[in-house]
Amino acid sequence: MYATGTGGTLEQNSWAPATGWSGWTNLGGSLIAESPSALRDPATGNLEVYAVTSSGKLRQAAWHPAAGWRTANLGGNLAGL
């Protein structure tokens, strides 16, 4: 589960059947309240989260099992969305 934290950061909370909810983890960033959206890329199997930053740029965070989280600024001017 992904959400925008009170400070505008990307927050993650995950579920594991054996242990339950992990608790919220701060993944950083400076997002607007309408963000984020998560999806699984069927081509790679990676989890990807997309969000709009407070400056209107599209940002991607992708989970790679071997490398952890990687982020990319995809640019744009999306403040009006």
Protein backbone atom coordinates (compact mmCIF):
# COMPACT_ATOMS: atom_id res chain seq x y z
CA MET A 1 0.00 0.00 0.00
CA TYR A 2 1.29 3.47 -0.90
CA ALA A 3 0.21 6.87 0.33
CA THR A 4 1.37 10.45 0.62
CA GLY A 5 2.57 11.16 4.16
CA THR A 6 1.70 14.30 6.12
CA GLY A 7 5.05 15.83 5.12
CA GLY A 8 4.47 15.05 1.43
CA THR A 9 6.70 11.96 1.39
CA LEU A 10 5.93 8.64 -0.27
CA GLU A 11 4.98 6.08 2.39
CA GLN A 12 4.79 2.27 2.03
CA ASN A 13 3.01 -0.33 4.17
CA SER A 14 3.14 -3.98 3.08
CA TRP A 15 1.33 -7.16 4.14
CA ALA A 16 2.89 -10.58 4.69
CA PRO A 17 0.60 -13.48 5.68
CA ALA A 18 3.00 -14.75 8.35
CA THR A 19 3.70 -11.41 10.04
CA GLY A 20 0.87 -9.03 9.08
CA TRP A 21 1.36 -5.36 8.21
CA SER A 22 4.95 -4.10 8.15
CA GLY A 23 4.24 -0.60 9.42
CA TRP A 24 4.71 2.56 7.37
CA THR A 25 8.13 3.12 5.78
CA ASN A 26 9.14 6.55 4.51
CA LEU A 27 10.47 6.34 0.92
CA GLY A 28 11.14 10.10 0.68
CA GLY A 29 10.11 12.62 -1.92
CA SER A 30 7.90 15.70 -1.94
CA LEU A 31 4.52 14.70 -3.38
CA ILE A 32 1.12 16.29 -3.82
CA ALA A 33 -1.91 14.77 -2.09
CA GLU A 34 -3.42 13.25 -5.28
CA SER A 35 -0.40 10.95 -5.68
CA PRO A 36 0.73 8.07 -5.74
CA SER A 37 -0.35 5.21 -8.02
CA ALA A 38 1.23 1.76 -7.94
CA LEU A 39 1.35 -1.00 -10.55
CA ARG A 40 3.21 -4.19 -11.37
CA ASP A 41 5.09 -4.19 -14.66
CA PRO A 42 4.19 -7.55 -16.29
CA ALA A 43 7.28 -7.44 -18.51
CA THR A 44 9.77 -7.22 -15.62
CA GLY A 45 7.71 -8.24 -12.60
CA ASN A 46 8.89 -5.08 -10.84
CA LEU A 47 6.63 -2.95 -8.67
CA GLU A 48 6.44 0.66 -9.89
CA VAL A 49 5.00 3.68 -8.09
CA TYR A 50 4.26 6.93 -9.92
CA ALA A 51 3.60 10.24 -8.20
CA VAL A 52 3.50 13.95 -8.95
CA THR A 53 5.94 16.04 -6.91
CA SER A 54 5.03 19.35 -5.33
CA SER A 55 6.90 21.06 -8.20
CA GLY A 56 4.69 19.30 -10.80
CA LYS A 57 7.20 16.70 -12.02
CA LEU A 58 6.32 13.04 -12.57
CA ARG A 59 8.46 10.79 -10.37
CA GLN A 60 8.87 7.00 -10.55
CA ALA A 61 10.05 4.62 -7.84
CA ALA A 62 10.61 1.04 -9.01
CA TRP A 63 11.32 -1.99 -6.83
CA HIS A 64 13.94 -4.36 -8.21
CA PRO A 65 14.24 -7.54 -6.08
CA ALA A 66 18.01 -7.68 -6.52
CA ALA A 67 18.68 -3.95 -6.06
CA GLY A 68 15.86 -2.49 -3.95
CA TRP A 69 14.19 0.84 -4.75
CA ARG A 70 15.39 2.98 -7.63
CA THR A 71 13.91 6.38 -8.42
CA ALA A 72 13.72 8.45 -11.59
CA ASN A 73 12.48 11.94 -12.36
CA LEU A 74 10.34 11.67 -15.49
CA GLY A 75 9.88 15.45 -15.83
CA GLY A 76 6.84 17.27 -17.08
CA ASN A 77 4.64 20.00 -15.65
CA LEU A 78 1.70 18.15 -14.09
CA ALA A 79 0.70 20.56 -11.33
CA GLY A 80 -2.75 21.07 -12.88
CA LEU A 81 -3.77 17.40 -12.67
